[in-house]
Amino acid sequence: MDQPYRMRAVVVPLDPTPAQVQLLRSYCGAARFAYNWTVAIAKENWDKRKEERRAGIDEAQLSKSLDWSAWSMTPLWNSVKDEVAPWHHDVTKHAFRSGVTDAATALKNFHESNKGVRKGQSVGFPKFKNRRSKQSFTLIEFKQPGYWFSEDSRHVRLILPLSATDPRIARRREQLRWIHSTESLRRLKKKITSGEWTVQAVTISFTGGHWQASFLVRQYVVPASSAIRMRGPIVGVDLGVKHLATMTVPVKDLSDEHAHIENPRHLDAELDRLAKLDRRLSRCQKGSKNHAKIRKRRQRLHGRISRTRDLHLHRLTTTLAGSFETVVIEDLNLVGMVKKSKKNTVTALRRSILDAGFYELRRQLTYKTEDRGHRVVVVNRFYPSSKLCSHCGETKAKLAISVRVFECNKCGITLDRDVNAARNIRDEGIRLLANEASNVAGHQPETLNAVLRDRETEPPRRGRGDRYQSRTTQPKRELSPLA
């Protein structure tokens, strides 16, 4: 029986020489060329069959359908690469394979979305890439475990073409083979050479004004017990813009006495500097050296903002995953929250929501709790965590987002809006765990109209309402021993 595993990406910053940068850009250009070729071939065949259907030709007499999978596109590319790319000997074959594979994946996503198989938003037909698109390519080589690292654990191997026509590349082959890394790779190399991790692919990309290598590794894990049990301690986390997160209990060196975690607003702190660079960039002539220089500075500033945000989220999620065995969060509809409406919505609010990084926080929290044997419980997005009183269970019909203090009309309790929401999320997580342990119900309702909570439901009212949450009542609850 195969040992269970999970996939993980380890990002390593690179510091290539000018000659290596030129070679890396040629690899990215080769991957982009193969991607555009694959999309063009698929689009030509797809449009041709569509025109034949419009002309009334029977399905049996249509042109042969082209298989969009990478297993079919890669041999087709190898058969025509001497004609369409006679310079392909100067670049490693992995770059072209990377472009064909990425295009096949994009075509597969479009096909599944068009047939209704793929969940989420609809995916359109892949667009062609240009030089302003993200520069990246993937290398795949299955050899000895320590193949990718040098002896000093400070360099990453770069696969070079087997036969280079450029004499300069042929002379400096050993100098171009190893790309220096600004961080030590000793821990990563030790994990791979010991057999705990296995490298599946290496993706080199230009992100945030810097080159980086992302190692896709297969991490073997010990199978955990399948028995579902109530775990403690448990914490409820409410995400927001004013405060990045509000917990049910304060954590030392992470939150204040009210369990609020401050929102650092990394993008807002650099808006003035970004605006100055944008003005300078608009005054430069496209294609000039100053335009390229300022554009690179702008890329590096965006990269620094992104890295600072990730480091802050890593500190937060590591503390949460290590301090609590069960973390309960709410499923947020981020697409709907930042979607532009016909009305004059506030752009600053949408920007603040995107700057907070709610999806990245949930992603990090999910895999970190799995590594520690803990778990994340996700509460349904329609659960009225802000409108429900955490003391008596009374639900308000409306609660404006500008109201930051929750006042219950029934029991008279007054407390912070985010603290009230965090307590409700924790209690709903406890209820979901209890139902899961007793095999009564799962995390999701059987139908769209099903009620998740064990409380009395009033008859439907006429007029506007907050779905089923505003029409439910619940007797005064008693706190669980896990609270």
Protein backbone atom coordinates (compact mmCIF):
# COMPACT_ATOMS: atom_id res chain seq x y z
CA MET A 1 0.00 0.00 0.00
CA ASP A 2 1.37 3.41 -0.98
CA GLN A 3 2.40 5.73 1.81
CA PRO A 4 0.16 8.83 2.07
CA TYR A 5 1.71 12.14 1.13
CA ARG A 6 0.91 15.79 0.57
CA MET A 7 2.33 18.26 -1.91
CA ARG A 8 4.15 21.37 -0.71
CA ALA A 9 5.94 24.26 -2.39
CA VAL A 10 9.20 25.63 -0.93
CA VAL A 11 10.21 29.03 -2.35
CA VAL A 12 13.90 29.92 -2.52
CA PRO A 13 15.17 33.42 -3.51
CA LEU A 14 17.82 33.47 -6.25
CA ASP A 15 20.62 35.89 -7.08
CA PRO A 16 21.65 35.12 -10.69
CA THR A 17 24.48 36.79 -12.57
CA PRO A 18 23.73 39.01 -15.62
CA ALA A 19 24.63 36.12 -17.93
CA GLN A 20 22.32 33.81 -16.05
CA VAL A 21 19.54 36.41 -16.16
CA GLN A 22 19.84 36.52 -19.93
CA LEU A 23 19.66 32.73 -20.08
CA LEU A 24 16.66 32.62 -17.73
CA ARG A 25 14.80 35.18 -19.84
CA SER A 26 15.43 33.07 -22.93
CA TYR A 27 13.96 30.07 -21.12
CA CYS A 28 10.89 32.09 -20.16
CA GLY A 29 10.56 33.27 -23.77
CA ALA A 30 10.75 29.68 -25.01
CA ALA A 31 8.01 28.60 -22.58
CA ARG A 32 5.86 31.54 -23.70
CA PHE A 33 6.43 30.65 -27.37
CA ALA A 34 5.37 27.02 -26.83
CA TYR A 35 2.34 28.16 -24.82
CA ASN A 36 1.15 30.50 -27.57
CA TRP A 37 1.74 27.85 -30.23
CA THR A 38 -0.35 25.30 -28.33
CA VAL A 39 -3.20 27.77 -27.78
CA ALA A 40 -3.11 28.80 -31.45
CA ILE A 41 -3.31 25.21 -32.68
CA ALA A 42 -6.17 24.40 -30.33
CA LYS A 43 -8.06 27.59 -31.24
CA GLU A 44 -7.65 26.93 -34.96
CA ASN A 45 -9.07 23.42 -34.65
CA TRP A 46 -11.88 24.57 -32.35
CA ASP A 47 -12.92 27.47 -34.63
CA LYS A 48 -12.81 25.23 -37.68
CA ARG A 49 -15.18 22.68 -36.14
CA LYS A 50 -17.45 25.48 -34.97
CA GLU A 51 -17.72 26.92 -38.49
CA GLU A 52 -18.45 23.49 -39.92
CA ARG A 53 -21.30 23.04 -37.43
CA ARG A 54 -22.73 26.41 -38.45
CA ALA A 55 -22.55 25.33 -42.08
CA GLY A 56 -24.76 22.32 -41.30
CA ILE A 57 -22.18 19.57 -41.63
CA ASP A 58 -22.97 16.36 -39.76
CA GLU A 59 -20.97 15.47 -36.68
CA ALA A 60 -19.58 12.37 -38.36
CA GLN A 61 -18.14 14.47 -41.23
CA LEU A 62 -16.56 17.18 -39.08
CA SER A 63 -12.81 17.68 -38.99
CA LYS A 64 -10.99 15.48 -36.53
CA SER A 65 -11.07 16.85 -33.01
CA LEU A 66 -7.71 17.74 -31.51
CA ASP A 67 -6.89 16.27 -28.11
CA TRP A 68 -5.96 19.13 -25.77
CA SER A 69 -4.10 17.03 -23.21
CA ALA A 70 -0.39 17.45 -22.61
CA TRP A 71 0.20 13.81 -23.62
CA SER A 72 -1.05 14.62 -27.13
CA MET A 73 0.24 18.18 -27.49
CA THR A 74 3.83 17.40 -26.49
CA PRO A 75 4.46 14.82 -29.30
CA LEU A 76 2.77 17.19 -31.75
CA TRP A 77 5.14 19.96 -30.68
CA ASN A 78 8.19 17.70 -31.00
CA SER A 79 7.17 16.84 -34.57
CA VAL A 80 7.03 20.48 -35.74
CA LYS A 81 9.57 22.25 -33.50
CA ASP A 82 12.28 22.10 -36.18
CA GLU A 83 10.04 24.14 -38.48
CA VAL A 84 8.37 26.59 -36.08
CA ALA A 85 11.38 27.04 -33.75
CA PRO A 86 14.66 26.21 -35.52
CA TRP A 87 16.53 27.81 -32.60
CA HIS A 88 15.18 25.28 -30.07
CA HIS A 89 18.64 23.66 -29.64
CA ASP A 90 19.82 26.81 -27.80
CA VAL A 91 17.24 26.30 -25.05
CA THR A 92 16.59 23.28 -22.87
CA LYS A 93 13.63 21.12 -23.83
CA HIS A 94 12.12 21.58 -20.35
CA ALA A 95 11.20 25.18 -21.18
CA PHE A 96 9.11 24.16 -24.21
CA ARG A 97 7.57 21.27 -22.28
CA SER A 98 6.60 23.69 -19.53
CA GLY A 99 4.80 25.98 -21.98
CA VAL A 100 2.91 23.11 -23.62
CA THR A 101 1.88 21.68 -20.24
CA ASP A 102 0.63 25.05 -18.96
CA ALA A 103 -1.40 25.58 -22.13
CA ALA A 104 -2.90 22.10 -21.87
CA THR A 105 -3.93 22.81 -18.28
CA ALA A 106 -5.55 26.11 -19.30
CA LEU A 107 -7.43 24.38 -22.14
CA LYS A 108 -8.59 21.65 -19.77
CA ASN A 109 -9.94 24.25 -17.32
CA PHE A 110 -11.82 25.97 -20.16
CA HIS A 111 -13.29 22.69 -21.40
CA GLU A 112 -14.47 21.62 -17.94
CA SER A 113 -15.91 25.05 -17.23
CA ASN A 114 -17.69 25.09 -20.59
CA LYS A 115 -19.23 21.67 -19.88
CA GLY A 116 -20.26 22.65 -16.35
CA VAL A 117 -17.93 20.17 -14.67
CA ARG A 118 -15.62 22.75 -13.10
CA LYS A 119 -16.92 24.54 -10.03
CA GLY A 120 -16.60 28.26 -9.41
CA GLN A 121 -16.55 31.11 -11.88
CA SER A 122 -16.59 30.40 -15.60
CA VAL A 123 -13.20 30.12 -17.30
CA GLY A 124 -12.77 31.61 -20.76
CA PHE A 125 -10.62 30.38 -23.61
CA PRO A 126 -6.89 30.88 -22.85
CA LYS A 127 -5.41 34.16 -24.06
CA PHE A 128 -2.05 34.57 -25.71
CA LYS A 129 0.87 35.66 -23.57
CA ASN A 130 3.16 38.60 -24.32
CA ARG A 131 6.41 39.86 -22.86
CA ARG A 132 4.57 41.65 -20.07
CA SER A 133 3.11 38.37 -18.82
CA LYS A 134 4.63 36.62 -15.84
CA GLN A 135 7.98 35.07 -16.72
CA SER A 136 8.30 31.50 -15.49
CA PHE A 137 9.19 27.99 -16.60
CA THR A 138 9.27 24.56 -14.96
CA LEU A 139 12.11 22.05 -14.86
CA ILE A 140 11.52 18.34 -14.29
CA GLU A 141 14.43 15.96 -13.77
CA PHE A 142 14.31 12.69 -11.83
CA LYS A 143 17.83 11.76 -10.76
CA GLN A 144 19.63 11.34 -7.46
CA PRO A 145 17.96 13.10 -4.47
CA GLY A 146 20.60 15.84 -4.09
CA TYR A 147 20.74 16.64 -7.79
CA TRP A 148 19.37 20.17 -7.45
CA PHE A 149 21.78 21.45 -4.78
CA SER A 150 25.49 22.16 -4.64
CA GLU A 151 27.84 20.90 -1.95
CA ASP A 152 27.85 24.21 -0.07
CA SER A 153 23.98 24.30 -0.09
CA ARG A 154 24.05 27.80 -1.51
CA HIS A 155 23.41 27.16 -5.21
CA VAL A 156 20.54 25.72 -7.23
CA ARG A 157 21.22 23.72 -10.37
CA LEU A 158 20.01 25.07 -13.73
CA ILE A 159 19.46 22.57 -16.52
CA LEU A 160 21.28 23.74 -19.66
CA PRO A 161 20.65 22.69 -23.28
CA LEU A 162 22.48 19.56 -24.36
CA SER A 163 23.98 21.16 -27.48
CA ALA A 164 24.28 24.93 -27.45
CA THR A 165 25.07 26.64 -30.75
CA ASP A 166 26.21 29.79 -28.98
CA PRO A 167 29.97 29.35 -28.26
CA ARG A 168 29.77 31.67 -25.26
CA ILE A 169 27.27 29.38 -23.51
CA ALA A 170 29.39 26.36 -24.41
CA ARG A 171 32.51 27.94 -22.82
CA ARG A 172 30.80 29.14 -19.67
CA ARG A 173 28.70 26.05 -19.14
CA GLU A 174 29.95 25.37 -15.63
CA GLN A 175 29.60 29.02 -14.63
CA LEU A 176 25.97 29.14 -15.74
CA ARG A 177 25.01 25.77 -14.27
CA TRP A 178 24.70 26.92 -10.63
CA ILE A 179 22.51 29.87 -9.56
CA HIS A 180 23.40 31.45 -6.24
CA SER A 181 20.75 31.61 -3.53
CA THR A 182 20.56 34.35 -0.91
CA GLU A 183 19.42 31.82 1.70
CA SER A 184 20.93 28.58 2.89
CA LEU A 185 19.39 25.42 1.41
CA ARG A 186 20.83 23.09 4.02
CA ARG A 187 17.51 22.19 5.66
CA LEU A 188 15.77 21.60 2.33
CA LYS A 189 18.67 19.51 1.06
CA LYS A 190 18.69 17.43 4.25
CA LYS A 191 14.97 16.68 3.93
CA ILE A 192 15.36 15.58 0.32
CA THR A 193 18.53 13.50 0.70
CA SER A 194 17.06 11.69 3.72
CA GLY A 195 14.03 10.63 1.69
CA GLU A 196 11.41 12.54 3.73
CA TRP A 197 10.70 14.83 0.76
CA THR A 198 10.90 14.14 -2.97
CA VAL A 199 11.30 16.90 -5.56
CA GLN A 200 8.65 16.67 -8.27
CA ALA A 201 9.39 19.88 -10.19
CA VAL A 202 11.23 23.19 -9.90
CA THR A 203 9.60 26.38 -11.19
CA ILE A 204 11.86 29.42 -11.73
CA SER A 205 9.97 32.69 -12.02
CA PHE A 206 10.50 36.45 -11.95
CA THR A 207 8.19 37.73 -9.20
CA GLY A 208 8.23 41.08 -7.43
CA GLY A 209 11.37 42.24 -9.26
CA HIS A 210 13.38 39.20 -8.12
CA TRP A 211 14.08 35.70 -9.40
CA GLN A 212 12.97 32.79 -7.26
CA ALA A 213 12.83 28.99 -7.42
CA SER A 214 9.78 27.10 -6.17
CA PHE A 215 10.44 23.45 -5.30
CA LEU A 216 7.32 21.29 -5.56
CA VAL A 217 8.04 18.49 -3.09
CA ARG A 218 6.12 15.40 -2.07
CA GLN A 219 6.04 15.15 1.71
CA TYR A 220 5.32 11.72 3.14
CA VAL A 221 3.17 11.80 6.25
CA VAL A 222 2.17 9.32 8.90
CA PRO A 223 -1.53 8.45 8.58
CA ALA A 224 -3.59 9.93 11.41
CA SER A 225 -6.43 8.20 13.20
CA SER A 226 -9.73 8.43 11.38
CA ALA A 227 -11.73 8.66 14.63
CA ILE A 228 -13.49 11.98 15.06
CA ARG A 229 -13.37 13.36 18.55
CA MET A 230 -13.94 16.64 20.31
CA ARG A 231 -10.64 18.45 20.73
CA GLY A 232 -9.61 21.31 22.94
CA PRO A 233 -8.72 23.97 23.37
CA ILE A 234 -10.81 25.55 20.66
CA VAL A 235 -10.73 29.14 19.40
CA GLY A 236 -13.03 31.10 17.13
CA VAL A 237 -11.49 33.64 14.75
CA ASP A 238 -13.41 36.47 13.10
CA LEU A 239 -11.63 38.16 10.18
CA GLY A 240 -12.13 41.82 9.38
CA VAL A 241 -10.65 45.01 8.02
CA LYS A 242 -10.52 47.23 11.10
CA HIS A 243 -8.87 44.37 12.98
CA LEU A 244 -7.22 41.66 10.90
CA ALA A 245 -8.57 39.00 13.26
CA THR A 246 -10.46 38.84 16.54
CA MET A 247 -10.22 35.72 18.70
CA THR A 248 -12.31 34.45 21.56
CA VAL A 249 -9.28 34.41 23.88
CA PRO A 250 -6.27 36.76 23.87
CA VAL A 251 -2.84 35.38 23.01
CA LYS A 252 0.29 36.89 24.49
CA ASP A 253 2.56 38.78 22.06
CA LEU A 254 -0.04 38.34 19.31
CA SER A 255 -3.18 40.24 20.32
CA ASP A 256 -4.25 42.91 22.80
CA GLU A 257 -6.27 42.31 25.95
CA HIS A 258 -9.49 42.27 23.90
CA ALA A 259 -8.12 39.51 21.59
CA HIS A 260 -7.86 41.94 18.65
CA ILE A 261 -5.01 41.43 16.16
CA GLU A 262 -4.02 44.68 14.52
CA ASN A 263 -4.33 45.03 10.76
CA PRO A 264 -0.91 46.26 9.55
CA ARG A 265 -2.29 47.55 6.20
CA HIS A 266 0.92 46.92 4.27
CA LEU A 267 -0.34 48.37 0.99
CA ASP A 268 -1.75 51.57 2.53
CA ALA A 269 1.64 52.33 4.05
CA GLU A 270 3.25 52.39 0.59
CA LEU A 271 0.49 54.07 -1.44
CA ASP A 272 2.25 57.43 -1.57
CA ARG A 273 5.48 55.87 -2.81
CA LEU A 274 3.59 53.82 -5.39
CA ALA A 275 1.76 56.93 -6.61
CA LYS A 276 5.08 58.77 -7.10
CA LEU A 277 6.51 55.88 -9.08
CA ASP A 278 3.35 55.69 -11.20
CA ARG A 279 3.61 59.40 -12.03
CA ARG A 280 7.27 59.07 -12.95
CA LEU A 281 6.51 56.00 -15.04
CA SER A 282 3.74 57.80 -16.95
CA ARG A 283 6.17 60.59 -17.91
CA CYS A 284 8.77 58.20 -19.33
CA GLN A 285 8.79 57.08 -22.92
CA LYS A 286 7.95 53.42 -23.35
CA GLY A 287 10.97 51.36 -24.34
CA SER A 288 13.49 53.80 -22.83
CA LYS A 289 16.03 52.92 -20.17
CA ASN A 290 14.39 55.16 -17.59
CA HIS A 291 11.04 53.46 -18.23
CA ALA A 292 12.60 50.04 -17.63
CA LYS A 293 14.45 51.26 -14.52
CA ILE A 294 11.39 52.81 -12.86
CA ARG A 295 9.24 49.86 -13.81
CA LYS A 296 11.72 47.54 -12.11
CA ARG A 297 11.66 49.72 -8.98
CA ARG A 298 7.88 49.53 -8.99
CA GLN A 299 8.00 45.74 -9.32
CA ARG A 300 10.40 45.45 -6.40
CA LEU A 301 8.22 47.67 -4.23
CA HIS A 302 5.18 45.49 -4.93
CA GLY A 303 7.30 42.42 -4.19
CA ARG A 304 8.42 43.87 -0.86
CA ILE A 305 4.80 44.60 0.10
CA SER A 306 3.79 41.06 -0.78
CA ARG A 307 6.68 39.48 1.13
CA THR A 308 5.98 41.63 4.20
CA ARG A 309 2.33 40.58 4.15
CA ASP A 310 3.24 36.91 3.84
CA LEU A 311 5.71 37.10 6.73
CA HIS A 312 3.08 38.70 8.97
CA LEU A 313 0.50 36.07 8.04
CA HIS A 314 3.03 33.28 8.64
CA ARG A 315 3.67 34.55 12.15
CA LEU A 316 -0.06 34.74 12.85
CA THR A 317 -0.99 31.33 11.41
CA THR A 318 1.99 29.57 13.02
CA THR A 319 0.95 30.85 16.44
CA LEU A 320 -2.71 29.89 15.94
CA ALA A 321 -1.92 26.42 14.59
CA GLY A 322 0.52 25.71 17.42
CA SER A 323 -1.53 27.15 20.28
CA PHE A 324 -4.94 25.60 19.57
CA GLU A 325 -5.96 22.14 18.49
CA THR A 326 -9.11 23.38 16.73
CA VAL A 327 -9.41 26.72 14.94
CA VAL A 328 -12.87 27.79 13.76
CA ILE A 329 -13.07 30.36 10.97
CA GLU A 330 -15.80 31.66 8.70
CA ASP A 331 -16.11 30.96 4.99
CA LEU A 332 -15.98 34.43 3.41
CA ASN A 333 -17.25 35.24 -0.07
CA LEU A 334 -14.25 37.34 -1.04
CA VAL A 335 -15.27 37.59 -4.70
CA GLY A 336 -18.60 39.09 -3.73
CA MET A 337 -17.01 41.39 -1.14
CA VAL A 338 -14.65 43.03 -3.63
CA LYS A 339 -16.94 42.88 -6.65
CA LYS A 340 -17.77 46.27 -8.16
CA SER A 341 -21.44 47.16 -8.22
CA LYS A 342 -23.33 49.70 -10.29
CA LYS A 343 -23.41 52.03 -7.32
CA ASN A 344 -20.43 54.16 -6.32
CA THR A 345 -18.79 51.67 -3.97
CA VAL A 346 -15.80 52.67 -1.90
CA THR A 347 -12.58 51.66 -3.66
CA ALA A 348 -10.57 51.94 -0.43
CA LEU A 349 -12.71 49.24 1.23
CA ARG A 350 -12.14 46.78 -1.62
CA ARG A 351 -8.43 47.55 -1.56
CA SER A 352 -8.27 46.98 2.20
CA ILE A 353 -10.03 43.62 1.89
CA LEU A 354 -7.56 42.46 -0.76
CA ASP A 355 -4.63 43.84 1.23
CA ALA A 356 -5.61 41.82 4.31
CA GLY A 357 -4.99 38.49 2.54
CA PHE A 358 -7.88 36.46 3.97
CA TYR A 359 -7.48 33.62 1.48
CA GLU A 360 -3.73 33.35 2.13
CA LEU A 361 -4.40 33.29 5.88
CA ARG A 362 -6.85 30.41 5.49
CA ARG A 363 -4.49 28.52 3.16
CA GLN A 364 -1.56 28.79 5.57
CA LEU A 365 -3.71 27.91 8.55
CA THR A 366 -5.05 24.80 6.80
CA TYR A 367 -1.75 23.13 5.98
CA LYS A 368 -0.06 24.17 9.24
CA THR A 369 -2.81 22.62 11.34
CA GLU A 370 -2.59 19.43 9.25
CA ASP A 371 1.16 19.24 9.90
CA ARG A 372 0.56 19.42 13.65
CA GLY A 373 -2.32 16.96 13.69
CA HIS A 374 -4.83 19.72 14.44
CA ARG A 375 -7.80 20.84 12.37
CA VAL A 376 -9.62 23.84 10.94
CA VAL A 377 -13.41 23.99 11.08
CA VAL A 378 -15.06 26.26 8.51
CA VAL A 379 -18.45 27.78 9.35
CA ASN A 380 -20.96 28.36 6.55
CA ARG A 381 -20.78 31.84 5.04
CA PHE A 382 -24.52 32.39 5.61
CA TYR A 383 -24.22 31.90 9.36
CA PRO A 384 -25.16 35.27 11.00
CA SER A 385 -22.13 35.56 13.26
CA SER A 386 -22.39 39.36 13.53
CA LYS A 387 -26.17 39.61 13.91
CA LEU A 388 -26.58 36.83 16.48
CA CYS A 389 -26.30 37.54 20.19
CA SER A 390 -23.65 35.30 21.72
CA HIS A 391 -25.40 35.41 25.11
CA CYS A 392 -29.11 34.74 24.48
CA GLY A 393 -29.21 33.68 20.81
CA GLU A 394 -31.45 36.50 19.57
CA THR A 395 -30.87 37.44 15.92
CA LYS A 396 -31.13 40.94 14.56
CA ALA A 397 -32.76 41.47 11.20
CA LYS A 398 -30.32 44.20 10.15
CA LEU A 399 -26.96 45.39 11.41
CA ALA A 400 -25.08 48.07 9.48
CA ILE A 401 -21.37 47.55 8.95
CA SER A 402 -20.70 50.97 10.49
CA VAL A 403 -22.10 49.81 13.85
CA ARG A 404 -19.06 48.55 15.76
CA VAL A 405 -20.83 47.78 19.08
CA PHE A 406 -23.39 45.01 19.35
CA GLU A 407 -26.37 45.78 21.61
CA CYS A 408 -28.92 43.04 22.17
CA ASN A 409 -32.52 44.25 22.41
CA LYS A 410 -33.59 41.17 24.38
CA CYS A 411 -30.96 40.58 27.06
CA GLY A 412 -29.35 44.03 26.95
CA ILE A 413 -25.78 42.81 26.63
CA THR A 414 -23.30 45.23 25.02
CA LEU A 415 -19.97 44.15 23.61
CA ASP A 416 -17.66 44.68 20.67
CA ARG A 417 -19.08 43.57 17.33
CA ASP A 418 -16.03 41.49 16.37
CA VAL A 419 -15.81 39.82 19.80
CA ASN A 420 -19.47 38.85 19.57
CA ALA A 421 -18.90 37.39 16.07
CA ALA A 422 -15.83 35.42 17.23
CA ARG A 423 -17.82 33.84 20.07
CA ASN A 424 -20.64 32.87 17.72
CA ILE A 425 -18.17 31.32 15.28
CA ARG A 426 -16.61 29.31 18.11
CA ASP A 427 -20.01 28.07 19.33
CA GLU A 428 -21.04 27.11 15.79
CA GLY A 429 -17.77 25.23 15.37
CA ILE A 430 -18.44 23.29 18.58
CA ARG A 431 -21.89 22.40 17.30
CA LEU A 432 -20.50 21.20 13.96
CA LEU A 433 -17.89 19.07 15.72
CA ALA A 434 -20.55 17.54 17.97
CA ASN A 435 -22.75 16.70 14.98
CA GLU A 436 -19.80 15.24 13.11
CA ALA A 437 -18.76 13.13 16.08
CA SER A 438 -22.26 11.72 16.50
CA ASN A 439 -22.74 11.23 12.74
CA VAL A 440 -25.90 13.33 12.87
CA ALA A 441 -25.01 15.86 10.19
CA GLY A 442 -22.04 17.05 8.22
CA HIS A 443 -20.57 20.47 7.74
CA GLN A 444 -22.93 21.35 4.89
CA PRO A 445 -26.74 21.26 4.72
CA GLU A 446 -28.43 18.59 2.60
CA THR A 447 -30.38 21.26 0.71
CA LEU A 448 -29.97 24.97 0.16
CA ASN A 449 -32.92 25.68 2.45
CA ALA A 450 -31.81 23.39 5.28
CA VAL A 451 -31.13 24.98 8.66
CA LEU A 452 -27.75 24.15 10.19
CA ARG A 453 -28.70 24.87 13.82
CA ASP A 454 -30.94 22.95 16.18
CA ARG A 455 -33.41 25.71 16.95
CA GLU A 456 -37.01 26.49 16.21
CA THR A 457 -37.72 28.05 12.82
CA GLU A 458 -40.54 30.55 12.47
CA PRO A 459 -42.85 30.58 9.45
CA PRO A 460 -41.48 32.61 6.49
CA ARG A 461 -42.36 36.27 6.53
CA ARG A 462 -43.23 38.51 3.64
CA GLY A 463 -40.76 41.10 2.49
CA ARG A 464 -36.99 41.25 2.70
CA GLY A 465 -35.09 39.15 5.19
CA ASP A 466 -31.62 37.85 5.87
CA ARG A 467 -32.29 34.40 4.41
CA TYR A 468 -33.22 31.91 7.11
CA GLN A 469 -30.95 33.35 9.79
CA SER A 470 -33.13 36.40 10.52
CA ARG A 471 -36.19 34.18 11.00
CA THR A 472 -34.80 31.78 13.60
CA THR A 473 -34.87 31.85 17.37
CA GLN A 474 -32.93 29.93 19.94
CA PRO A 475 -33.24 29.65 23.70
CA LYS A 476 -30.52 30.93 25.97
CA ARG A 477 -27.43 28.80 25.41
CA GLU A 478 -25.06 27.37 27.94
CA LEU A 479 -21.35 27.57 27.23
CA SER A 480 -19.65 24.29 26.40
CA PRO A 481 -16.86 22.97 28.64
CA LEU A 482 -14.54 23.45 25.63
CA ALA A 483 -15.29 27.19 25.44
